[in-house]
PDB file of N, CA and C in Angstrom:
ATOM      1  N   MET A   1       0.722  -1.327   0.297  1.00  0.00           N
ATOM      2  CA  MET A   1      -0.158   0.146   0.151  1.00  0.00           C
ATOM      3  C   MET A   1       1.023   1.276   0.122  1.00  0.00           C
ATOM      4  N   ALA A   2       0.407   1.878  -0.458  1.00  0.00           N
ATOM      5  CA  ALA A   2       1.423   3.509  -0.974  1.00  0.00           C
ATOM      6  C   ALA A   2       1.261   4.260   0.080  1.00  0.00           C
ATOM      7  N   ARG A   3       2.387   4.830   0.547  1.00  0.00           N
ATOM      8  CA  ARG A   3       2.555   5.753   1.967  1.00  0.00           C
ATOM      9  C   ARG A   3       2.137   7.278   1.257  1.00  0.00           C
ATOM     10  N   ARG A   4       0.653   7.507   0.788  1.00  0.00           N
ATOM     11  CA  ARG A   4       0.226   8.574   0.017  1.00  0.00           C
ATOM     12  C   ARG A   4      -0.983   9.038   0.905  1.00  0.00           C
ATOM     13  N   CYS A   5      -0.836  10.284   0.733  1.00  0.00           N
ATOM     14  CA  CYS A   5      -2.727  11.167   1.010  1.00  0.00           C
ATOM     15  C   CYS A   5      -3.145  10.305  -0.026  1.00  0.00           C
ATOM     16  N   GLU A   6      -4.548  10.263  -0.230  1.00  0.00           N
ATOM     17  CA  GLU A   6      -5.504   9.919  -1.107  1.00  0.00           C
ATOM     18  C   GLU A   6      -5.975  11.943  -1.346  1.00  0.00           C
ATOM     19  N   LEU A   7      -6.637  12.539  -0.470  1.00  0.00           N
ATOM     20  CA  LEU A   7      -6.485  13.706  -0.544  1.00  0.00           C
ATOM     21  C   LEU A   7      -5.725  15.251  -0.988  1.00  0.00           C
ATOM     22  N   THR A   8      -4.872  14.721  -0.494  1.00  0.00           N
ATOM     23  CA  THR A   8      -3.725  16.485  -0.470  1.00  0.00           C
ATOM     24  C   THR A   8      -2.327  15.608  -1.344  1.00  0.00           C
ATOM     25  N   GLY A   9      -2.604  14.222  -1.771  1.00  0.00           N
ATOM     26  CA  GLY A   9      -1.207  13.642  -2.156  1.00  0.00           C
ATOM     27  C   GLY A   9       0.408  13.515  -1.744  1.00  0.00           C
ATOM     28  N   THR A  10      -0.195  14.323  -0.475  1.00  0.00           N
ATOM     29  CA  THR A  10       1.302  13.822   0.443  1.00  0.00           C
ATOM     30  C   THR A  10       2.177  12.695   0.630  1.00  0.00           C
ATOM     31  N   GLY A  11       3.123  12.834   0.117  1.00  0.00           N
ATOM     32  CA  GLY A  11       3.856  11.476   0.162  1.00  0.00           C
ATOM     33  C   GLY A  11       5.625  11.667   1.200  1.00  0.00           C
ATOM     34  N   PRO A  12       6.279  10.460   1.710  1.00  0.00           N
ATOM     35  CA  PRO A  12       7.853  10.716   1.960  1.00  0.00           C
ATOM     36  C   PRO A  12       8.370  11.378   1.714  1.00  0.00           C
ATOM     37  N   MET A  13       9.201  11.951   2.847  1.00  0.00           N
ATOM     38  CA  MET A  13       9.950  13.215   2.389  1.00  0.00           C
ATOM     39  C   MET A  13      11.333  12.445   2.581  1.00  0.00           C
ATOM     40  N   SER A  14      12.761  12.382   1.995  1.00  0.00           N
ATOM     41  CA  SER A  14      13.426  11.948   2.415  1.00  0.00           C
ATOM     42  C   SER A  14      14.814  13.297   2.978  1.00  0.00           C
ATOM     43  N   GLY A  15      15.503  13.115   4.212  1.00  0.00           N
ATOM     44  CA  GLY A  15      16.516  13.691   5.445  1.00  0.00           C
ATOM     45  C   GLY A  15      17.445  12.878   5.729  1.00  0.00           C
ATOM     46  N   ASN A  16      17.981  13.527   6.984  1.00  0.00           N
ATOM     47  CA  ASN A  16      19.233  12.663   7.519  1.00  0.00           C
ATOM     48  C   ASN A  16      18.923  13.279   8.846  1.00  0.00           C
ATOM     49  N   ASN A  17      18.896  11.649   9.478  1.00  0.00           N
ATOM     50  CA  ASN A  17      19.027  11.703  11.307  1.00  0.00           C
ATOM     51  C   ASN A  17      20.621  12.340  11.650  1.00  0.00           C
ATOM     52  N   VAL A  18      20.631  13.706  12.522  1.00  0.00           N
ATOM     53  CA  VAL A  18      22.001  13.953  12.600  1.00  0.00           C
ATOM     54  C   VAL A  18      22.069  13.205  14.172  1.00  0.00           C
ATOM     55  N   SER A  19      23.599  12.739  15.072  1.00  0.00           N
ATOM     56  CA  SER A  19      23.408  12.360  15.792  1.00  0.00           C
ATOM     57  C   SER A  19      24.138  14.055  16.648  1.00  0.00           C
ATOM     58  N   HIS A  20      24.124  13.687  17.843  1.00  0.00           N
ATOM     59  CA  HIS A  20      25.314  14.677  18.381  1.00  0.00           C
ATOM     60  C   HIS A  20      26.131  14.598  18.027  1.00  0.00           C
ATOM     61  N   ALA A  21      27.183  13.910  17.614  1.00  0.00           N
ATOM     62  CA  ALA A  21      27.852  13.848  16.767  1.00  0.00           C
ATOM     63  C   ALA A  21      28.679  14.659  15.239  1.00  0.00           C
ATOM     64  N   ASN A  22      27.363  15.169  15.210  1.00  0.00           N
ATOM     65  CA  ASN A  22      27.516  15.893  13.746  1.00  0.00           C
ATOM     66  C   ASN A  22      27.222  14.584  12.317  1.00  0.00           C
ATOM     67  N   ASN A  23      26.725  13.294  12.671  1.00  0.00           N
ATOM     68  CA  ASN A  23      27.091  12.155  12.014  1.00  0.00           C
ATOM     69  C   ASN A  23      25.688  12.146  11.280  1.00  0.00           C
ATOM     70  N   LYS A  24      25.311  12.013   9.774  1.00  0.00           N
ATOM     71  CA  LYS A  24      24.697  12.409   9.185  1.00  0.00           C
ATOM     72  C   LYS A  24      24.367  10.787   8.142  1.00  0.00           C
ATOM     73  N   THR A  25      23.250  10.674   8.500  1.00  0.00           N
ATOM     74  CA  THR A  25      22.439   9.403   7.860  1.00  0.00           C
ATOM     75  C   THR A  25      21.158   9.565   7.223  1.00  0.00           C
ATOM     76  N   ARG A  26      20.584   9.036   5.832  1.00  0.00           N
ATOM     77  CA  ARG A  26      19.574   9.304   5.376  1.00  0.00           C
ATOM     78  C   ARG A  26      18.717   8.236   6.299  1.00  0.00           C
ATOM     79  N   ARG A  27      17.323   9.304   5.889  1.00  0.00           N
ATOM     80  CA  ARG A  27      16.090   8.692   6.599  1.00  0.00           C
ATOM     81  C   ARG A  27      15.190   9.420   6.024  1.00  0.00           C
ATOM     82  N   ARG A  28      13.792   8.721   6.075  1.00  0.00           N
ATOM     83  CA  ARG A  28      12.861   8.948   5.289  1.00  0.00           C
ATOM     84  C   ARG A  28      11.534   9.495   6.796  1.00  0.00           C
ATOM     85  N   PHE A  29      10.713  11.124   6.331  1.00  0.00           N
ATOM     86  CA  PHE A  29      10.224  11.366   6.936  1.00  0.00           C
ATOM     87  C   PHE A  29       8.976  10.827   6.106  1.00  0.00           C
ATOM     88  N   LEU A  30       7.407   9.824   7.033  1.00  0.00           N
ATOM     89  CA  LEU A  30       6.536   9.266   6.435  1.00  0.00           C
ATOM     90  C   LEU A  30       5.596  10.434   6.702  1.00  0.00           C
ATOM     91  N   PRO A  31       4.709  10.445   6.015  1.00  0.00           N
ATOM     92  CA  PRO A  31       3.431  11.173   6.250  1.00  0.00           C
ATOM     93  C   PRO A  31       2.207  10.283   7.707  1.00  0.00           C
ATOM     94  N   ASN A  32       1.567  11.280   8.035  1.00  0.00           N
ATOM     95  CA  ASN A  32       1.516  10.616   9.893  1.00  0.00           C
ATOM     96  C   ASN A  32      -0.301   9.864   9.068  1.00  0.00           C
ATOM     97  N   LEU A  33      -0.245   9.244   8.247  1.00  0.00           N
ATOM     98  CA  LEU A  33      -1.527   8.641   7.564  1.00  0.00           C
ATOM     99  C   LEU A  33      -2.506   7.890   8.897  1.00  0.00           C
ATOM    100  N   ILE A  34      -3.705   8.105   8.060  1.00  0.00           N
ATOM    101  CA  ILE A  34      -5.138   7.269   9.371  1.00  0.00           C
ATOM    102  C   ILE A  34      -6.387   6.722   8.122  1.00  0.00           C
ATOM    103  N   ASP A  35      -7.083   5.792   8.380  1.00  0.00           N
ATOM    104  CA  ASP A  35      -8.285   5.454   7.976  1.00  0.00           C
ATOM    105  C   ASP A  35      -8.793   6.143   8.296  1.00  0.00           C
ATOM    106  N   VAL A  36     -10.177   6.773   7.689  1.00  0.00           N
ATOM    107  CA  VAL A  36     -11.089   7.619   7.909  1.00  0.00           C
ATOM    108  C   VAL A  36     -11.932   7.643   7.126  1.00  0.00           C
ATOM    109  N   THR A  37     -13.467   7.011   7.596  1.00  0.00           N
ATOM    110  CA  THR A  37     -14.242   7.133   7.288  1.00  0.00           C
ATOM    111  C   THR A  37     -15.156   8.365   7.008  1.00  0.00           C
ATOM    112  N   LEU A  38     -15.428   9.194   5.826  1.00  0.00           N
ATOM    113  CA  LEU A  38     -15.989  10.511   5.679  1.00  0.00           C
ATOM    114  C   LEU A  38     -17.016  10.887   4.735  1.00  0.00           C
ATOM    115  N   ALA A  39     -18.481  11.706   5.413  1.00  0.00           N
ATOM    116  CA  ALA A  39     -19.313  11.587   5.295  1.00  0.00           C
ATOM    117  C   ALA A  39     -19.891  12.787   4.125  1.00  0.00           C
ATOM    118  N   SER A  40     -20.586  12.593   3.246  1.00  0.00           N
ATOM    119  CA  SER A  40     -20.745  12.922   1.913  1.00  0.00           C
ATOM    120  C   SER A  40     -21.930  13.962   1.973  1.00  0.00           C
ATOM    121  N   GLU A  41     -22.081  15.072   2.507  1.00  0.00           N
ATOM    122  CA  GLU A  41     -23.878  15.688   2.580  1.00  0.00           C
ATOM    123  C   GLU A  41     -24.578  15.650   1.065  1.00  0.00           C
ATOM    124  N   ALA A  42     -24.004  15.847   0.073  1.00  0.00           N
ATOM    125  CA  ALA A  42     -24.649  16.136  -1.184  1.00  0.00           C
ATOM    126  C   ALA A  42     -24.755  14.293  -1.393  1.00  0.00           C
ATOM    127  N   LEU A  43     -24.123  13.549  -1.062  1.00  0.00           N
ATOM    128  CA  LEU A  43     -24.305  12.019  -1.760  1.00  0.00           C
ATOM    129  C   LEU A  43     -25.202  11.160  -1.063  1.00  0.00           C
ATOM    130  N   GLY A  44     -24.938  11.809   0.482  1.00  0.00           N
ATOM    131  CA  GLY A  44     -25.633  11.262   1.435  1.00  0.00           C
ATOM    132  C   GLY A  44     -25.136   9.505   1.759  1.00  0.00           C
ATOM    133  N   ARG A  45     -23.697   9.448   1.643  1.00  0.00           N
ATOM    134  CA  ARG A  45     -23.181   7.876   1.873  1.00  0.00           C
ATOM    135  C   ARG A  45     -21.764   8.924   2.313  1.00  0.00           C
ATOM    136  N   ALA A  46     -21.344   7.270   2.778  1.00  0.00           N
ATOM    137  CA  ALA A  46     -19.668   7.889   3.824  1.00  0.00           C
ATOM    138  C   ALA A  46     -18.529   7.112   2.326  1.00  0.00           C
ATOM    139  N   PHE A  47     -17.812   7.331   2.711  1.00  0.00           N
ATOM    140  CA  PHE A  47     -16.144   6.698   1.496  1.00  0.00           C
ATOM    141  C   PHE A  47     -14.979   6.610   3.007  1.00  0.00           C
ATOM    142  N   LYS A  48     -14.617   5.866   2.163  1.00  0.00           N
ATOM    143  CA  LYS A  48     -13.605   5.334   3.380  1.00  0.00           C
ATOM    144  C   LYS A  48     -12.256   5.960   2.461  1.00  0.00           C
ATOM    145  N   PHE A  49     -10.887   6.631   3.161  1.00  0.00           N
ATOM    146  CA  PHE A  49     -10.269   7.071   2.564  1.00  0.00           C
ATOM    147  C   PHE A  49      -8.349   6.680   3.242  1.00  0.00           C
ATOM    148  N   ARG A  50      -7.639   6.742   2.822  1.00  0.00           N
ATOM    149  CA  ARG A  50      -6.129   6.848   3.620  1.00  0.00           C
ATOM    150  C   ARG A  50      -5.622   8.330   4.037  1.00  0.00           C
ATOM    151  N   ILE A  51      -6.424   9.080   4.847  1.00  0.00           N
ATOM    152  CA  ILE A  51      -5.161  10.355   4.388  1.00  0.00           C
ATOM    153  C   ILE A  51      -4.515  10.842   5.736  1.00  0.00           C
ATOM    154  N   ALA A  52      -3.483  11.557   5.347  1.00  0.00           N
ATOM    155  CA  ALA A  52      -2.343  12.643   6.528  1.00  0.00           C
ATOM    156  C   ALA A  52      -3.409  13.271   7.670  1.00  0.00           C
ATOM    157  N   ALA A  53      -3.323  12.978   8.699  1.00  0.00           N
ATOM    158  CA  ALA A  53      -3.922  14.168  10.103  1.00  0.00           C
ATOM    159  C   ALA A  53      -3.986  15.491   9.467  1.00  0.00           C
ATOM    160  N   LYS A  54      -2.569  15.919   8.814  1.00  0.00           N
ATOM    161  CA  LYS A  54      -2.484  17.330   8.214  1.00  0.00           C
ATOM    162  C   LYS A  54      -4.499  17.505   7.212  1.00  0.00           C
ATOM    163  N   ALA A  55      -4.544  16.439   6.327  1.00  0.00           N
ATOM    164  CA  ALA A  55      -5.381  16.765   5.661  1.00  0.00           C
ATOM    165  C   ALA A  55      -6.814  16.877   6.191  1.00  0.00           C
ATOM    166  N   LEU A  56      -6.859  15.844   7.466  1.00  0.00           N
ATOM    167  CA  LEU A  56      -8.716  15.947   7.970  1.00  0.00           C
ATOM    168  C   LEU A  56      -8.467  17.313   8.698  1.00  0.00           C
ATOM    169  N   ARG A  57      -7.694  17.684   8.962  1.00  0.00           N
ATOM    170  CA  ARG A  57      -7.645  19.443   9.919  1.00  0.00           C
ATOM    171  C   ARG A  57      -8.295  20.689   8.739  1.00  0.00           C
ATOM    172  N   SER A  58      -7.485  20.345   7.355  1.00  0.00           N
ATOM    173  CA  SER A  58      -8.595  20.884   6.081  1.00  0.00           C
ATOM    174  C   SER A  58      -9.723  20.151   5.666  1.00  0.00           C
ATOM    175  N   VAL A  59      -9.701  19.405   6.515  1.00  0.00           N
ATOM    176  CA  VAL A  59     -11.218  18.744   5.041  1.00  0.00           C
ATOM    177  C   VAL A  59     -12.317  19.759   6.679  1.00  0.00           C
ATOM    178  N   ASP A  60     -11.624  20.226   7.572  1.00  0.00           N
ATOM    179  CA  ASP A  60     -12.643  20.044   9.269  1.00  0.00           C
ATOM    180  C   ASP A  60     -12.857  22.026   8.978  1.00  0.00           C
ATOM    181  N   HIS A  61     -11.619  22.598   8.639  1.00  0.00           N
ATOM    182  CA  HIS A  61     -11.300  23.896   8.447  1.00  0.00           C
ATOM    183  C   HIS A  61     -12.051  23.942   7.010  1.00  0.00           C
ATOM    184  N   VAL A  62     -12.643  23.199   5.780  1.00  0.00           N
ATOM    185  CA  VAL A  62     -13.163  24.334   4.925  1.00  0.00           C
ATOM    186  C   VAL A  62     -14.733  23.761   5.107  1.00  0.00           C
ATOM    187  N   GLY A  63     -15.093  23.080   5.952  1.00  0.00           N
ATOM    188  CA  GLY A  63     -16.653  22.501   5.950  1.00  0.00           C
ATOM    189  C   GLY A  63     -17.220  21.227   5.650  1.00  0.00           C
ATOM    190  N   GLY A  64     -16.035  20.027   5.187  1.00  0.00           N
ATOM    191  CA  GLY A  64     -16.713  18.879   5.290  1.00  0.00           C
ATOM    192  C   GLY A  64     -16.022  18.500   4.041  1.00  0.00           C
ATOM    193  N   LEU A  65     -15.768  17.176   3.473  1.00  0.00           N
ATOM    194  CA  LEU A  65     -15.475  16.398   1.874  1.00  0.00           C
ATOM    195  C   LEU A  65     -15.939  17.391   1.122  1.00  0.00           C
ATOM    196  N   ASP A  66     -16.898  17.136   0.893  1.00  0.00           N
ATOM    197  CA  ASP A  66     -17.553  18.020  -0.336  1.00  0.00           C
ATOM    198  C   ASP A  66     -17.346  19.302  -0.766  1.00  0.00           C
ATOM    199  N   PRO A  67     -17.161  20.508   0.188  1.00  0.00           N
ATOM    200  CA  PRO A  67     -16.217  21.968  -0.604  1.00  0.00           C
ATOM    201  C   PRO A  67     -14.828  21.218  -0.930  1.00  0.00           C
ATOM    202  N   PHE A  68     -14.441  20.194  -0.235  1.00  0.00           N
ATOM    203  CA  PHE A  68     -12.674  20.065   0.199  1.00  0.00           C
ATOM    204  C   PHE A  68     -12.412  19.363  -1.044  1.00  0.00           C
ATOM    205  N   LEU A  69     -13.315  18.740  -1.738  1.00  0.00           N
ATOM    206  CA  LEU A  69     -13.187  17.932  -3.243  1.00  0.00           C
ATOM    207  C   LEU A  69     -13.449  18.846  -4.644  1.00  0.00           C
ATOM    208  N   LEU A  70     -14.409  19.367  -4.397  1.00  0.00           N
ATOM    209  CA  LEU A  70     -14.498  20.828  -5.297  1.00  0.00           C
ATOM    210  C   LEU A  70     -13.526  21.672  -5.663  1.00  0.00           C
ATOM    211  N   LYS A  71     -12.636  22.070  -4.208  1.00  0.00           N
ATOM    212  CA  LYS A  71     -11.712  23.156  -4.590  1.00  0.00           C
ATOM    213  C   LYS A  71     -10.394  22.354  -4.443  1.00  0.00           C
ATOM    214  N   ALA A  72     -10.353  20.799  -4.367  1.00  0.00           N
ATOM    215  CA  ALA A  72      -8.753  20.027  -4.446  1.00  0.00           C
ATOM    216  C   ALA A  72      -8.798  19.989  -6.438  1.00  0.00           C
ATOM    217  N   ARG A  73      -7.142  20.442  -6.606  1.00  0.00           N
ATOM    218  CA  ARG A  73      -6.869  20.250  -7.682  1.00  0.00           C
ATOM    219  C   ARG A  73      -6.404  18.857  -7.694  1.00  0.00           C
ATOM    220  N   ASP A  74      -7.169  17.890  -9.225  1.00  0.00           N
ATOM    221  CA  ASP A  74      -7.514  16.906  -9.575  1.00  0.00           C
ATOM    222  C   ASP A  74      -6.086  15.880  -9.672  1.00  0.00           C
ATOM    223  N   GLU A  75      -4.961  16.418 -10.054  1.00  0.00           N
ATOM    224  CA  GLU A  75      -3.441  15.912  -9.448  1.00  0.00           C
ATOM    225  C   GLU A  75      -3.055  15.371  -8.039  1.00  0.00           C
ATOM    226  N   ASN A  76      -4.034  16.234  -7.117  1.00  0.00           N
ATOM    227  CA  ASN A  76      -3.186  15.800  -6.116  1.00  0.00           C
ATOM    228  C   ASN A  76      -4.249  14.337  -5.581  1.00  0.00           C
ATOM    229  N   LEU A  77      -5.698  14.310  -6.189  1.00  0.00           N
ATOM    230  CA  LEU A  77      -6.232  12.991  -5.736  1.00  0.00           C
ATOM    231  C   LEU A  77      -6.141  12.087  -6.103  1.00  0.00           C
ATOM    232  N   SER A  78      -6.693  10.672  -5.297  1.00  0.00           N
ATOM    233  CA  SER A  78      -6.333   9.571  -6.011  1.00  0.00           C
ATOM    234  C   SER A  78      -7.161   9.153  -6.805  1.00  0.00           C
ATOM    235  N   ALA A  79      -7.023   7.941  -7.663  1.00  0.00           N
ATOM    236  CA  ALA A  79      -8.195   7.823  -7.934  1.00  0.00           C
ATOM    237  C   ALA A  79      -9.597   7.300  -7.485  1.00  0.00           C
ATOM    238  N   GLY A  80      -9.350   6.849  -6.528  1.00  0.00           N
ATOM    239  CA  GLY A  80     -11.785   6.663  -5.182  1.00  0.00           C
ATOM    240  C   GLY A  80     -11.829   7.704  -5.473  1.00  0.00           C
ATOM    241  N   ALA A  81     -10.666   8.927  -4.637  1.00  0.00           N
ATOM    242  CA  ALA A  81     -11.777  10.443  -4.309  1.00  0.00           C
ATOM    243  C   ALA A  81     -11.424  10.872  -6.307  1.00  0.00           C
ATOM    244  N   LEU A  82     -11.232  11.125  -7.172  1.00  0.00           N
ATOM    245  CA  LEU A  82     -11.370  11.628  -8.295  1.00  0.00           C
ATOM    246  C   LEU A  82     -13.025  11.076  -8.557  1.00  0.00           C
ATOM    247  N   LYS A  83     -13.019  10.201  -8.354  1.00  0.00           N
ATOM    248  CA  LYS A  83     -14.434   9.127  -8.927  1.00  0.00           C
ATOM    249  C   LYS A  83     -15.441   9.671  -7.945  1.00  0.00           C
ATOM    250  N   VAL A  84     -15.262  10.435  -6.208  1.00  0.00           N
ATOM    251  CA  VAL A  84     -16.224  10.924  -5.832  1.00  0.00           C
ATOM    252  C   VAL A  84     -16.508  12.214  -6.022  1.00  0.00           C
ATOM    253  N   LYS A  85     -15.483  12.712  -6.451  1.00  0.00           N
ATOM    254  CA  LYS A  85     -15.266  14.333  -7.193  1.00  0.00           C
ATOM    255  C   LYS A  85     -16.452  13.501  -8.236  1.00  0.00           C
ATOM    256  N   ARG A  86     -16.708  13.322  -8.810  1.00  0.00           N
ATOM    257  CA  ARG A  86     -17.102  13.118 -10.386  1.00  0.00           C
ATOM    258  C   ARG A  86     -18.424  13.038 -10.384  1.00  0.00           C
ATOM    259  N   GLU A  87     -18.615  12.121  -9.384  1.00  0.00           N
ATOM    260  CA  GLU A  87     -20.269  11.849  -8.414  1.00  0.00           C
ATOM    261  C   GLU A  87     -20.853  12.819  -8.183  1.00  0.00           C
ATOM    262  N   LEU A  88     -19.959  13.915  -7.406  1.00  0.00           N
ATOM    263  CA  LEU A  88     -20.252  15.384  -6.313  1.00  0.00           C
ATOM    264  C   LEU A  88     -20.544  16.739  -7.654  1.00  0.00           C
ATOM    265  N   LYS A  89     -19.785  16.129  -8.711  1.00  0.00           N
ATOM    266  CA  LYS A  89     -20.450  17.351  -9.812  1.00  0.00           C
ATOM    267  C   LYS A  89     -21.582  16.810 -10.603  1.00  0.00           C
ATOM    268  N   LYS A  90     -21.234  15.868 -10.636  1.00  0.00           N
ATOM    269  CA  LYS A  90     -22.553  15.248 -11.537  1.00  0.00           C
ATOM    270  C   LYS A  90     -24.140  15.601 -10.776  1.00  0.00           C
ATOM    271  N   ALA A  91     -23.757  15.255  -9.026  1.00  0.00           N
ATOM    272  CA  ALA A  91     -25.367  15.134  -8.291  1.00  0.00           C
ATOM    273  C   ALA A  91     -25.523  17.289  -8.405  1.00  0.00           C
ATOM    274  N   GLN A  92     -24.299  17.926  -8.052  1.00  0.00           N
ATOM    275  CA  GLN A  92     -24.443  19.673  -8.125  1.00  0.00           C
ATOM    276  C   GLN A  92     -25.142  20.274 -10.045  1.00  0.00           C
ATOM    277  N   GLY A  93     -24.649  18.772 -10.840  1.00  0.00           N
ATOM    278  CA  GLY A  93     -25.527  19.873 -12.184  1.00  0.00           C
ATOM    279  C   GLY A  93     -27.185  18.515 -11.945  1.00  0.00           C
ATOM    280  N   GLU A  94     -27.111  18.504 -11.807  1.00  0.00           N
ATOM    281  CA  GLU A  94     -28.851  17.692 -11.683  1.00  0.00           C
ATOM    282  C   GLU A  94     -29.922  18.475 -10.400  1.00  0.00           C
ATOM    283  N   ALA A  95     -28.569  18.711  -9.307  1.00  0.00           N
ATOM    284  CA  ALA A  95     -29.523  19.607  -8.588  1.00  0.00           C
ATOM    285  C   ALA A  95     -29.953  20.863  -8.486  1.00  0.00           C
ATOM    286  N   ALA A  96     -29.392  21.492  -9.454  1.00  0.00           N
ATOM    287  CA  ALA A  96     -29.201  23.139 -10.617  1.00  0.00           C
ATOM    288  C   ALA A  96     -29.770  23.202 -11.430  1.00  0.00           C
ATOM    289  N   ALA A  97     -30.451  21.951 -12.001  1.00  0.00           N
ATOM    290  CA  ALA A  97     -31.158  21.855 -13.003  1.00  0.00           C
ATOM    291  C   ALA A  97     -33.003  21.639 -13.057  1.00  0.00           C
TER     292      ALA A  97
END
Protein backbone atom coordinates (compact mmCIF):
# COMPACT_ATOMS: atom_id res chain seq x y z
CA MET A 1 0.00 0.00 0.00
CA ALA A 2 1.39 3.38 -0.99
CA ARG A 3 2.34 5.78 1.78
CA ARG A 4 0.51 8.67 0.14
CA CYS A 5 -2.45 10.76 1.26
CA GLU A 6 -5.48 10.21 -0.99
CA LEU A 7 -6.72 13.79 -0.72
CA THR A 8 -3.58 15.95 -0.68
CA GLY A 9 -1.04 13.67 -2.37
CA THR A 10 1.41 14.09 0.53
CA GLY A 11 4.08 11.37 0.37
CA PRO A 12 7.33 10.41 2.06
CA MET A 13 10.16 12.93 2.19
CA SER A 14 13.85 12.23 2.70
CA GLY A 15 16.36 13.85 4.99
CA ASN A 16 19.08 13.12 7.50
CA ASN A 17 19.33 11.72 11.01
CA VAL A 18 21.83 14.00 12.71
CA SER A 19 23.66 12.63 15.74
CA HIS A 20 25.11 14.63 18.60
CA ALA A 21 28.50 14.20 16.90
CA ASN A 22 26.93 15.70 13.74
CA ASN A 23 27.10 12.40 11.81
CA LYS A 24 24.47 12.32 9.07
CA THR A 25 22.66 9.21 7.85
CA ARG A 26 19.78 9.20 5.37
CA ARG A 27 16.23 8.62 6.58
CA ARG A 28 12.63 8.94 5.43
CA PHE A 29 9.98 11.21 6.91
CA LEU A 30 6.64 9.40 6.45
CA PRO A 31 3.27 11.20 6.46
CA ASN A 32 0.99 10.59 9.44
CA LEU A 33 -1.60 8.48 7.59
CA ILE A 34 -4.88 7.41 9.18
CA ASP A 35 -7.80 5.35 7.89
CA VAL A 36 -10.92 7.48 8.12
CA THR A 37 -14.54 7.41 6.92
CA LEU A 38 -15.80 10.77 5.67
CA ALA A 39 -19.46 11.49 4.96
CA SER A 40 -20.65 13.28 1.85
CA GLU A 41 -23.72 15.42 2.53
CA ALA A 42 -24.61 15.88 -1.14
CA LEU A 43 -24.38 12.16 -1.98
CA GLY A 44 -25.82 10.98 1.34
CA ARG A 45 -23.20 8.30 1.97
CA ALA A 46 -19.79 7.75 3.50
CA PHE A 47 -16.43 7.01 1.87
CA LYS A 48 -13.30 5.40 3.30
CA PHE A 49 -9.99 7.16 2.68
CA ARG A 50 -6.40 6.81 3.88
CA ILE A 51 -5.42 10.41 4.53
CA ALA A 52 -2.83 12.41 6.46
CA ALA A 53 -3.86 13.88 9.82
CA LYS A 54 -3.13 17.34 8.37
CA ALA A 55 -5.57 16.64 5.52
CA LEU A 56 -8.28 15.73 8.05
CA ARG A 57 -7.79 19.12 9.68
CA SER A 58 -8.02 20.78 6.25
CA VAL A 59 -11.28 18.95 5.48
CA ASP A 60 -12.74 20.18 8.79
CA HIS A 61 -11.51 23.72 8.15
CA VAL A 62 -13.08 23.95 4.69
CA GLY A 63 -16.42 22.60 5.94
CA GLY A 64 -16.52 18.92 5.07
CA LEU A 65 -15.63 16.45 2.35
CA ASP A 66 -17.80 17.96 -0.40
CA PRO A 67 -16.34 21.50 -0.41
CA PHE A 68 -12.81 20.12 0.03
CA LEU A 69 -13.06 17.81 -3.00
CA LEU A 70 -14.64 20.47 -5.21
CA LYS A 71 -11.82 22.87 -4.34
CA ALA A 72 -8.96 20.31 -4.60
CA ARG A 73 -6.76 19.98 -7.69
CA ASP A 74 -7.30 16.75 -9.64
CA GLU A 75 -3.58 15.85 -9.82
CA ASN A 76 -3.40 15.67 -5.99
CA LEU A 77 -6.36 13.30 -5.62
CA SER A 78 -6.23 9.51 -5.78
CA ALA A 79 -8.34 7.54 -8.25
CA GLY A 80 -10.97 6.84 -5.58
CA ALA A 81 -11.19 10.49 -4.53
CA LEU A 82 -11.45 11.57 -8.19
CA LYS A 83 -14.37 9.20 -8.64
CA VAL A 84 -16.16 10.74 -5.65
CA LYS A 85 -15.44 14.24 -6.99
CA ARG A 86 -16.99 13.34 -10.36
CA GLU A 87 -20.09 11.97 -8.59
CA LEU A 88 -20.34 15.23 -6.60
CA LYS A 89 -20.16 17.37 -9.73
CA LYS A 90 -22.78 15.21 -11.39
CA ALA A 91 -25.08 15.50 -8.35
CA GLN A 92 -24.62 19.28 -8.30
CA GLY A 93 -25.48 19.50 -11.99
CA GLU A 94 -28.67 17.52 -11.48
CA ALA A 95 -29.64 19.61 -8.44
CA ALA A 96 -29.16 22.87 -10.35
CA ALA A 97 -31.20 21.70 -13.36
